[in-house]
Amino acid sequence: MNFETAYNLYHDNKSNFDENFRIKLHRAFSWLKQVENAPNEDLRYICLWIAFNSVYAKERDSKNSSFTLGERQSFQRYLSVIGNLDKEERLVKAIRQSLKSCVLELLENRYTFQPYWDYYNGLKDLKTWDKAFIKAKNLAIRELAQGGTVNLLTVIFDRLYTLRNQVLHGGSTCGSQINRQALHDGCSILETLVPIILEIMLKKPDTAIWGEPYYPHVHD
């Protein structure tokens, strides 16, 4: 995994950052550093997702409100900000150049599509999940061709989030061969995109945009 550019940018400027912003980035890089030495793809994926989670999660949306977004809403809103700041379309270009096969494979995998599991558990009928599956896949493919960063990231990370739930909530066996391709593709996608996402943030170090980190450092 190559994240030296983003890390060097962080290291050279961290003393100028607001503490909340610095904490978010420090935590993300600390988890990214563990990826290379992780003994298997399950643990690689966990480290990669936590690195991403470190920067998208906010303690809460407002000091004057107890309202907190759900996880999917939280990272979708975050990806919307990231996508709009990515004026050079670095994320889409990275997907086209090195991740296209991984992304297309993931889009074809119904086991990373949450509505399929809702159907399987009796919450949705077949036509509902099937139509949504095709619609999401076609949207991502169209946006990949046209450079629609926000919609493309939203579909991809929605699949990665389902995969995250399977791993972190005990829905898979460590080292299992079942759904192994999805985990391999997920690791490849996150390893490539998360450092780019961090670099985009580093060029816009505004805590008002990124919010406060979960469990901020408390000074005794």
C-alpha atoms as a PDB file:
ATOM      1  CA  MET A   1       0.000   0.000   0.000  1.00  0.00           C
ATOM      2  CA  ASN A   2       1.389   3.376  -0.994  1.00  0.00           C
ATOM      3  CA  PHE A   3       0.218   6.202   1.243  1.00  0.00           C
ATOM      4  CA  GLU A   4       3.546   8.000   1.690  1.00  0.00           C
ATOM      5  CA  THR A   5       2.422  11.119  -0.185  1.00  0.00           C
ATOM      6  CA  ALA A   6      -0.598  11.626   2.043  1.00  0.00           C
ATOM      7  CA  TYR A   7       1.304  10.772   5.212  1.00  0.00           C
ATOM      8  CA  ASN A   8       4.176  13.116   4.407  1.00  0.00           C
ATOM      9  CA  LEU A   9       1.699  15.921   3.746  1.00  0.00           C
ATOM     10  CA  TYR A  10       0.107  15.228   7.120  1.00  0.00           C
ATOM     11  CA  HIS A  11       3.425  14.950   8.963  1.00  0.00           C
ATOM     12  CA  ASP A  12       4.807  18.183   7.511  1.00  0.00           C
ATOM     13  CA  ASN A  13       1.721  20.211   8.401  1.00  0.00           C
ATOM     14  CA  LYS A  14       0.209  18.580  11.498  1.00  0.00           C
ATOM     15  CA  SER A  15       1.442  21.295  13.852  1.00  0.00           C
ATOM     16  CA  ASN A  16      -0.731  23.791  11.956  1.00  0.00           C
ATOM     17  CA  PHE A  17      -3.916  21.743  12.172  1.00  0.00           C
ATOM     18  CA  ASP A  18      -6.800  22.175  14.553  1.00  0.00           C
ATOM     19  CA  GLU A  19      -6.655  19.416  17.186  1.00  0.00           C
ATOM     20  CA  ASN A  20      -9.904  17.747  16.098  1.00  0.00           C
ATOM     21  CA  PHE A  21      -8.767  17.542  12.491  1.00  0.00           C
ATOM     22  CA  ARG A  22      -5.313  16.321  13.488  1.00  0.00           C
ATOM     23  CA  ILE A  23      -6.772  13.577  15.703  1.00  0.00           C
ATOM     24  CA  LYS A  24      -8.943  12.269  12.880  1.00  0.00           C
ATOM     25  CA  LEU A  25      -6.005  12.049  10.489  1.00  0.00           C
ATOM     26  CA  HIS A  26      -3.603  10.694  13.129  1.00  0.00           C
ATOM     27  CA  ARG A  27      -5.988   7.858  13.926  1.00  0.00           C
ATOM     28  CA  ALA A  28      -6.568   7.061  10.267  1.00  0.00           C
ATOM     29  CA  PHE A  29      -2.860   6.841   9.489  1.00  0.00           C
ATOM     30  CA  SER A  30      -2.228   4.737  12.601  1.00  0.00           C
ATOM     31  CA  TRP A  31      -4.606   2.080  11.258  1.00  0.00           C
ATOM     32  CA  LEU A  32      -3.322   2.297   7.710  1.00  0.00           C
ATOM     33  CA  LYS A  33       0.161   1.538   8.994  1.00  0.00           C
ATOM     34  CA  GLN A  34      -1.077  -1.787  10.346  1.00  0.00           C
ATOM     35  CA  VAL A  35      -2.358  -3.038   7.008  1.00  0.00           C
ATOM     36  CA  GLU A  36       0.979  -4.151   5.593  1.00  0.00           C
ATOM     37  CA  ASN A  37       1.685  -6.455   8.551  1.00  0.00           C
ATOM     38  CA  ALA A  38      -1.841  -7.837   8.952  1.00  0.00           C
ATOM     39  CA  PRO A  39      -1.646 -11.662   8.771  1.00  0.00           C
ATOM     40  CA  ASN A  40      -4.726 -12.119   6.565  1.00  0.00           C
ATOM     41  CA  GLU A  41      -7.242 -10.218   4.453  1.00  0.00           C
ATOM     42  CA  ASP A  42      -9.878 -10.258   7.194  1.00  0.00           C
ATOM     43  CA  LEU A  43      -7.638  -8.197   9.464  1.00  0.00           C
ATOM     44  CA  ARG A  44      -6.421  -6.053   6.565  1.00  0.00           C
ATOM     45  CA  TYR A  45     -10.009  -5.167   5.792  1.00  0.00           C
ATOM     46  CA  ILE A  46     -10.767  -4.332   9.415  1.00  0.00           C
ATOM     47  CA  CYS A  47      -7.757  -1.994   9.610  1.00  0.00           C
ATOM     48  CA  LEU A  48      -8.675  -0.322   6.338  1.00  0.00           C
ATOM     49  CA  TRP A  49     -12.285   0.232   7.328  1.00  0.00           C
ATOM     50  CA  ILE A  50     -11.334   1.640  10.736  1.00  0.00           C
ATOM     51  CA  ALA A  51      -8.974   4.064   8.987  1.00  0.00           C
ATOM     52  CA  PHE A  52     -11.883   5.209   6.815  1.00  0.00           C
ATOM     53  CA  ASN A  53     -14.256   5.252   9.798  1.00  0.00           C
ATOM     54  CA  SER A  54     -11.812   7.485  11.684  1.00  0.00           C
ATOM     55  CA  VAL A  55     -12.292  10.310   9.225  1.00  0.00           C
ATOM     56  CA  TYR A  56     -15.936  10.041   8.202  1.00  0.00           C
ATOM     57  CA  ALA A  57     -17.463   9.612  11.665  1.00  0.00           C
ATOM     58  CA  LYS A  58     -18.517  12.653  13.665  1.00  0.00           C
ATOM     59  CA  GLU A  59     -19.219  12.793  17.380  1.00  0.00           C
ATOM     60  CA  ARG A  60     -22.579  14.334  16.506  1.00  0.00           C
ATOM     61  CA  ASP A  61     -23.971  16.694  13.928  1.00  0.00           C
ATOM     62  CA  SER A  62     -24.596  19.626  16.215  1.00  0.00           C
ATOM     63  CA  LYS A  63     -23.661  20.695  19.714  1.00  0.00           C
ATOM     64  CA  ASN A  64     -27.285  21.702  20.124  1.00  0.00           C
ATOM     65  CA  SER A  65     -28.823  18.463  18.916  1.00  0.00           C
ATOM     66  CA  SER A  66     -28.884  14.868  20.080  1.00  0.00           C
ATOM     67  CA  PHE A  67     -29.687  13.719  16.544  1.00  0.00           C
ATOM     68  CA  THR A  68     -27.093  11.382  15.112  1.00  0.00           C
ATOM     69  CA  LEU A  69     -27.020  10.058  11.566  1.00  0.00           C
ATOM     70  CA  GLY A  70     -27.035   6.321  10.911  1.00  0.00           C
ATOM     71  CA  GLU A  71     -23.754   4.834   9.721  1.00  0.00           C
ATOM     72  CA  ARG A  72     -24.765   4.609   6.062  1.00  0.00           C
ATOM     73  CA  GLN A  73     -26.095   8.165   6.048  1.00  0.00           C
ATOM     74  CA  SER A  74     -22.960   9.356   7.808  1.00  0.00           C
ATOM     75  CA  PHE A  75     -20.442   8.005   5.315  1.00  0.00           C
ATOM     76  CA  GLN A  76     -22.671   8.806   2.354  1.00  0.00           C
ATOM     77  CA  ARG A  77     -22.780  12.453   3.393  1.00  0.00           C
ATOM     78  CA  TYR A  78     -19.024  12.398   3.933  1.00  0.00           C
ATOM     79  CA  LEU A  79     -18.433  10.866   0.477  1.00  0.00           C
ATOM     80  CA  SER A  80     -20.585  13.587  -1.048  1.00  0.00           C
ATOM     81  CA  VAL A  81     -18.240  16.208   0.421  1.00  0.00           C
ATOM     82  CA  ILE A  82     -15.130  14.284  -0.661  1.00  0.00           C
ATOM     83  CA  GLY A  83     -16.478  13.764  -4.170  1.00  0.00           C
ATOM     84  CA  ASN A  84     -17.290  17.425  -4.632  1.00  0.00           C
ATOM     85  CA  LEU A  85     -13.824  18.443  -3.407  1.00  0.00           C
ATOM     86  CA  ASP A  86     -12.135  16.025  -5.803  1.00  0.00           C
ATOM     87  CA  LYS A  87     -11.971  18.513  -8.659  1.00  0.00           C
ATOM     88  CA  GLU A  88      -9.214  16.537 -10.425  1.00  0.00           C
ATOM     89  CA  GLU A  89     -11.349  13.370 -10.309  1.00  0.00           C
ATOM     90  CA  ARG A  90      -8.476  11.447  -8.778  1.00  0.00           C
ATOM     91  CA  LEU A  91     -10.799   8.891  -7.227  1.00  0.00           C
ATOM     92  CA  VAL A  92     -12.602   8.061 -10.459  1.00  0.00           C
ATOM     93  CA  LYS A  93      -9.306   7.932 -12.339  1.00  0.00           C
ATOM     94  CA  ALA A  94      -7.860   5.530  -9.773  1.00  0.00           C
ATOM     95  CA  ILE A  95     -10.896   3.284 -10.137  1.00  0.00           C
ATOM     96  CA  ARG A  96     -10.654   3.330 -13.918  1.00  0.00           C
ATOM     97  CA  GLN A  97      -6.909   2.726 -14.009  1.00  0.00           C
ATOM     98  CA  SER A  98      -6.356   0.078 -11.343  1.00  0.00           C
ATOM     99  CA  LEU A  99      -9.632  -0.924  -9.710  1.00  0.00           C
ATOM    100  CA  LYS A 100     -12.128  -1.353 -12.522  1.00  0.00           C
ATOM    101  CA  SER A 101     -12.109  -5.161 -12.472  1.00  0.00           C
ATOM    102  CA  CYS A 102     -12.414  -5.195  -8.654  1.00  0.00           C
ATOM    103  CA  VAL A 103     -15.320  -2.767  -8.712  1.00  0.00           C
ATOM    104  CA  LEU A 104     -17.172  -4.603 -11.469  1.00  0.00           C
ATOM    105  CA  GLU A 105     -16.695  -7.887  -9.613  1.00  0.00           C
ATOM    106  CA  LEU A 106     -18.073  -6.333  -6.442  1.00  0.00           C
ATOM    107  CA  LEU A 107     -21.076  -4.899  -8.293  1.00  0.00           C
ATOM    108  CA  GLU A 108     -21.958  -8.383  -9.570  1.00  0.00           C
ATOM    109  CA  ASN A 109     -21.812  -9.912  -6.102  1.00  0.00           C
ATOM    110  CA  ARG A 110     -25.260 -10.104  -4.535  1.00  0.00           C
ATOM    111  CA  TYR A 111     -23.775 -11.121  -1.177  1.00  0.00           C
ATOM    112  CA  THR A 112     -22.403  -7.600  -0.705  1.00  0.00           C
ATOM    113  CA  PHE A 113     -25.816  -6.062  -1.452  1.00  0.00           C
ATOM    114  CA  GLN A 114     -27.788  -5.529   1.751  1.00  0.00           C
ATOM    115  CA  PRO A 115     -31.277  -5.682   0.165  1.00  0.00           C
ATOM    116  CA  TYR A 116     -30.481  -9.250  -0.922  1.00  0.00           C
ATOM    117  CA  TRP A 117     -30.009 -10.210   2.731  1.00  0.00           C
ATOM    118  CA  ASP A 118     -33.187  -8.340   3.633  1.00  0.00           C
ATOM    119  CA  TYR A 119     -34.981 -10.487   1.068  1.00  0.00           C
ATOM    120  CA  TYR A 120     -33.253 -13.638   2.304  1.00  0.00           C
ATOM    121  CA  ASN A 121     -34.436 -12.881   5.837  1.00  0.00           C
ATOM    122  CA  GLY A 122     -37.984 -12.343   4.647  1.00  0.00           C
ATOM    123  CA  LEU A 123     -38.026  -8.554   4.737  1.00  0.00           C
ATOM    124  CA  LYS A 124     -38.282  -7.895   0.983  1.00  0.00           C
ATOM    125  CA  ASP A 125     -39.686  -9.778  -1.978  1.00  0.00           C
ATOM    126  CA  LEU A 126     -37.494 -10.998  -4.843  1.00  0.00           C
ATOM    127  CA  LYS A 127     -38.472  -8.321  -7.345  1.00  0.00           C
ATOM    128  CA  THR A 128     -37.692  -5.514  -4.915  1.00  0.00           C
ATOM    129  CA  TRP A 129     -34.103  -6.517  -4.188  1.00  0.00           C
ATOM    130  CA  ASP A 130     -33.426  -7.680  -7.748  1.00  0.00           C
ATOM    131  CA  LYS A 131     -34.530  -4.402  -9.312  1.00  0.00           C
ATOM    132  CA  ALA A 132     -32.550  -2.383  -6.767  1.00  0.00           C
ATOM    133  CA  PHE A 133     -29.486  -4.542  -7.434  1.00  0.00           C
ATOM    134  CA  ILE A 134     -29.620  -3.919 -11.184  1.00  0.00           C
ATOM    135  CA  LYS A 135     -30.364  -0.215 -10.708  1.00  0.00           C
ATOM    136  CA  ALA A 136     -27.387   0.329  -8.375  1.00  0.00           C
ATOM    137  CA  LYS A 137     -25.046  -1.632 -10.639  1.00  0.00           C
ATOM    138  CA  ASN A 138     -26.107   0.269 -13.747  1.00  0.00           C
ATOM    139  CA  LEU A 139     -25.785   3.608 -11.927  1.00  0.00           C
ATOM    140  CA  ALA A 140     -22.214   2.817 -10.880  1.00  0.00           C
ATOM    141  CA  ILE A 141     -21.229   1.663 -14.363  1.00  0.00           C
ATOM    142  CA  ARG A 142     -22.714   4.802 -15.925  1.00  0.00           C
ATOM    143  CA  GLU A 143     -21.015   7.080 -13.407  1.00  0.00           C
ATOM    144  CA  LEU A 144     -17.713   5.283 -13.907  1.00  0.00           C
ATOM    145  CA  ALA A 145     -17.922   6.082 -17.610  1.00  0.00           C
ATOM    146  CA  GLN A 146     -19.080   9.679 -17.115  1.00  0.00           C
ATOM    147  CA  GLY A 147     -16.978  10.645 -14.098  1.00  0.00           C
ATOM    148  CA  GLY A 148     -19.785  10.919 -11.550  1.00  0.00           C
ATOM    149  CA  THR A 149     -17.650  10.650  -8.433  1.00  0.00           C
ATOM    150  CA  VAL A 150     -20.264  11.005  -5.676  1.00  0.00           C
ATOM    151  CA  ASN A 151     -22.762   8.458  -6.996  1.00  0.00           C
ATOM    152  CA  LEU A 152     -20.015   6.010  -7.906  1.00  0.00           C
ATOM    153  CA  LEU A 153     -18.431   6.203  -4.446  1.00  0.00           C
ATOM    154  CA  THR A 154     -21.813   5.881  -2.780  1.00  0.00           C
ATOM    155  CA  VAL A 155     -22.609   2.601  -4.552  1.00  0.00           C
ATOM    156  CA  ILE A 156     -19.126   1.154  -4.014  1.00  0.00           C
ATOM    157  CA  PHE A 157     -18.917   2.034  -0.326  1.00  0.00           C
ATOM    158  CA  ASP A 158     -22.445   0.796   0.278  1.00  0.00           C
ATOM    159  CA  ARG A 159     -21.225  -2.648  -0.852  1.00  0.00           C
ATOM    160  CA  LEU A 160     -18.068  -2.312   1.217  1.00  0.00           C
ATOM    161  CA  TYR A 161     -20.170  -1.415   4.251  1.00  0.00           C
ATOM    162  CA  THR A 162     -22.184  -4.624   3.939  1.00  0.00           C
ATOM    163  CA  LEU A 163     -18.894  -6.513   3.699  1.00  0.00           C
ATOM    164  CA  ARG A 164     -17.685  -4.626   6.777  1.00  0.00           C
ATOM    165  CA  ASN A 165     -20.779  -5.710   8.698  1.00  0.00           C
ATOM    166  CA  GLN A 166     -20.234  -9.328   7.754  1.00  0.00           C
ATOM    167  CA  VAL A 167     -16.674  -9.243   9.103  1.00  0.00           C
ATOM    168  CA  LEU A 168     -17.091  -7.057  12.197  1.00  0.00           C
ATOM    169  CA  HIS A 169     -20.423  -8.472  13.368  1.00  0.00           C
ATOM    170  CA  GLY A 170     -19.330 -12.098  13.267  1.00  0.00           C
ATOM    171  CA  GLY A 171     -21.024 -12.887   9.966  1.00  0.00           C
ATOM    172  CA  SER A 172     -17.974 -14.609   8.505  1.00  0.00           C
ATOM    173  CA  THR A 173     -15.239 -16.994   9.576  1.00  0.00           C
ATOM    174  CA  CYS A 174     -11.689 -15.666   9.778  1.00  0.00           C
ATOM    175  CA  GLY A 175      -9.761 -17.105   6.859  1.00  0.00           C
ATOM    176  CA  SER A 176     -12.873 -18.651   5.309  1.00  0.00           C
ATOM    177  CA  GLN A 177     -12.903 -19.283   1.558  1.00  0.00           C
ATOM    178  CA  ILE A 178     -16.551 -18.219   1.319  1.00  0.00           C
ATOM    179  CA  ASN A 179     -16.953 -14.818  -0.352  1.00  0.00           C
ATOM    180  CA  ARG A 180     -13.152 -14.504  -0.365  1.00  0.00           C
ATOM    181  CA  GLN A 181     -13.056 -12.698  -3.717  1.00  0.00           C
ATOM    182  CA  ALA A 182     -15.255  -9.918  -2.347  1.00  0.00           C
ATOM    183  CA  LEU A 183     -12.923  -9.455   0.610  1.00  0.00           C
ATOM    184  CA  HIS A 184      -9.877  -9.403  -1.674  1.00  0.00           C
ATOM    185  CA  ASP A 185     -11.526  -6.806  -3.925  1.00  0.00           C
ATOM    186  CA  GLY A 186     -12.636  -4.766  -0.917  1.00  0.00           C
ATOM    187  CA  CYS A 187      -9.087  -4.616   0.427  1.00  0.00           C
ATOM    188  CA  SER A 188      -7.745  -3.532  -2.962  1.00  0.00           C
ATOM    189  CA  ILE A 189     -10.364  -0.788  -3.273  1.00  0.00           C
ATOM    190  CA  LEU A 190      -9.842   0.628   0.207  1.00  0.00           C
ATOM    191  CA  GLU A 191      -6.042   0.440   0.014  1.00  0.00           C
ATOM    192  CA  THR A 192      -6.138   2.547  -3.130  1.00  0.00           C
ATOM    193  CA  LEU A 193      -8.911   5.007  -2.308  1.00  0.00           C
ATOM    194  CA  VAL A 194      -8.455   5.767   1.391  1.00  0.00           C
ATOM    195  CA  PRO A 195      -5.007   7.426   0.996  1.00  0.00           C
ATOM    196  CA  ILE A 196      -6.417   9.578  -1.820  1.00  0.00           C
ATOM    197  CA  ILE A 197      -9.365  10.521   0.375  1.00  0.00           C
ATOM    198  CA  LEU A 198      -6.995  11.519   3.178  1.00  0.00           C
ATOM    199  CA  GLU A 199      -4.951  13.643   0.806  1.00  0.00           C
ATOM    200  CA  ILE A 200      -8.110  15.429  -0.349  1.00  0.00           C
ATOM    201  CA  MET A 201      -8.944  16.169   3.287  1.00  0.00           C
ATOM    202  CA  LEU A 202      -5.414  17.397   3.972  1.00  0.00           C
ATOM    203  CA  LYS A 203      -5.779  20.013   1.278  1.00  0.00           C
ATOM    204  CA  LYS A 204      -8.915  21.294   3.020  1.00  0.00           C
ATOM    205  CA  PRO A 205      -8.096  21.060   6.766  1.00  0.00           C
ATOM    206  CA  ASP A 206     -11.279  22.731   7.961  1.00  0.00           C
ATOM    207  CA  THR A 207     -12.783  21.146  11.082  1.00  0.00           C
ATOM    208  CA  ALA A 208     -16.077  22.878  10.328  1.00  0.00           C
ATOM    209  CA  ILE A 209     -16.349  20.585   7.304  1.00  0.00           C
ATOM    210  CA  TRP A 210     -15.121  17.340   8.878  1.00  0.00           C
ATOM    211  CA  GLY A 211     -16.521  17.682  12.389  1.00  0.00           C
ATOM    212  CA  GLU A 212     -15.252  16.412  15.710  1.00  0.00           C
ATOM    213  CA  PRO A 213     -13.866  12.880  16.059  1.00  0.00           C
ATOM    214  CA  TYR A 214     -15.576  10.115  17.982  1.00  0.00           C
ATOM    215  CA  TYR A 215     -14.232   9.955  21.526  1.00  0.00           C
ATOM    216  CA  PRO A 216     -12.057  13.083  21.302  1.00  0.00           C
ATOM    217  CA  HIS A 217      -8.934  13.355  23.385  1.00  0.00           C
ATOM    218  CA  VAL A 218      -9.863  14.660  26.832  1.00  0.00           C
ATOM    219  CA  HIS A 219      -7.240  16.749  28.593  1.00  0.00           C
ATOM    220  CA  ASP A 220      -7.221  16.027  32.317  1.00  0.00           C
END
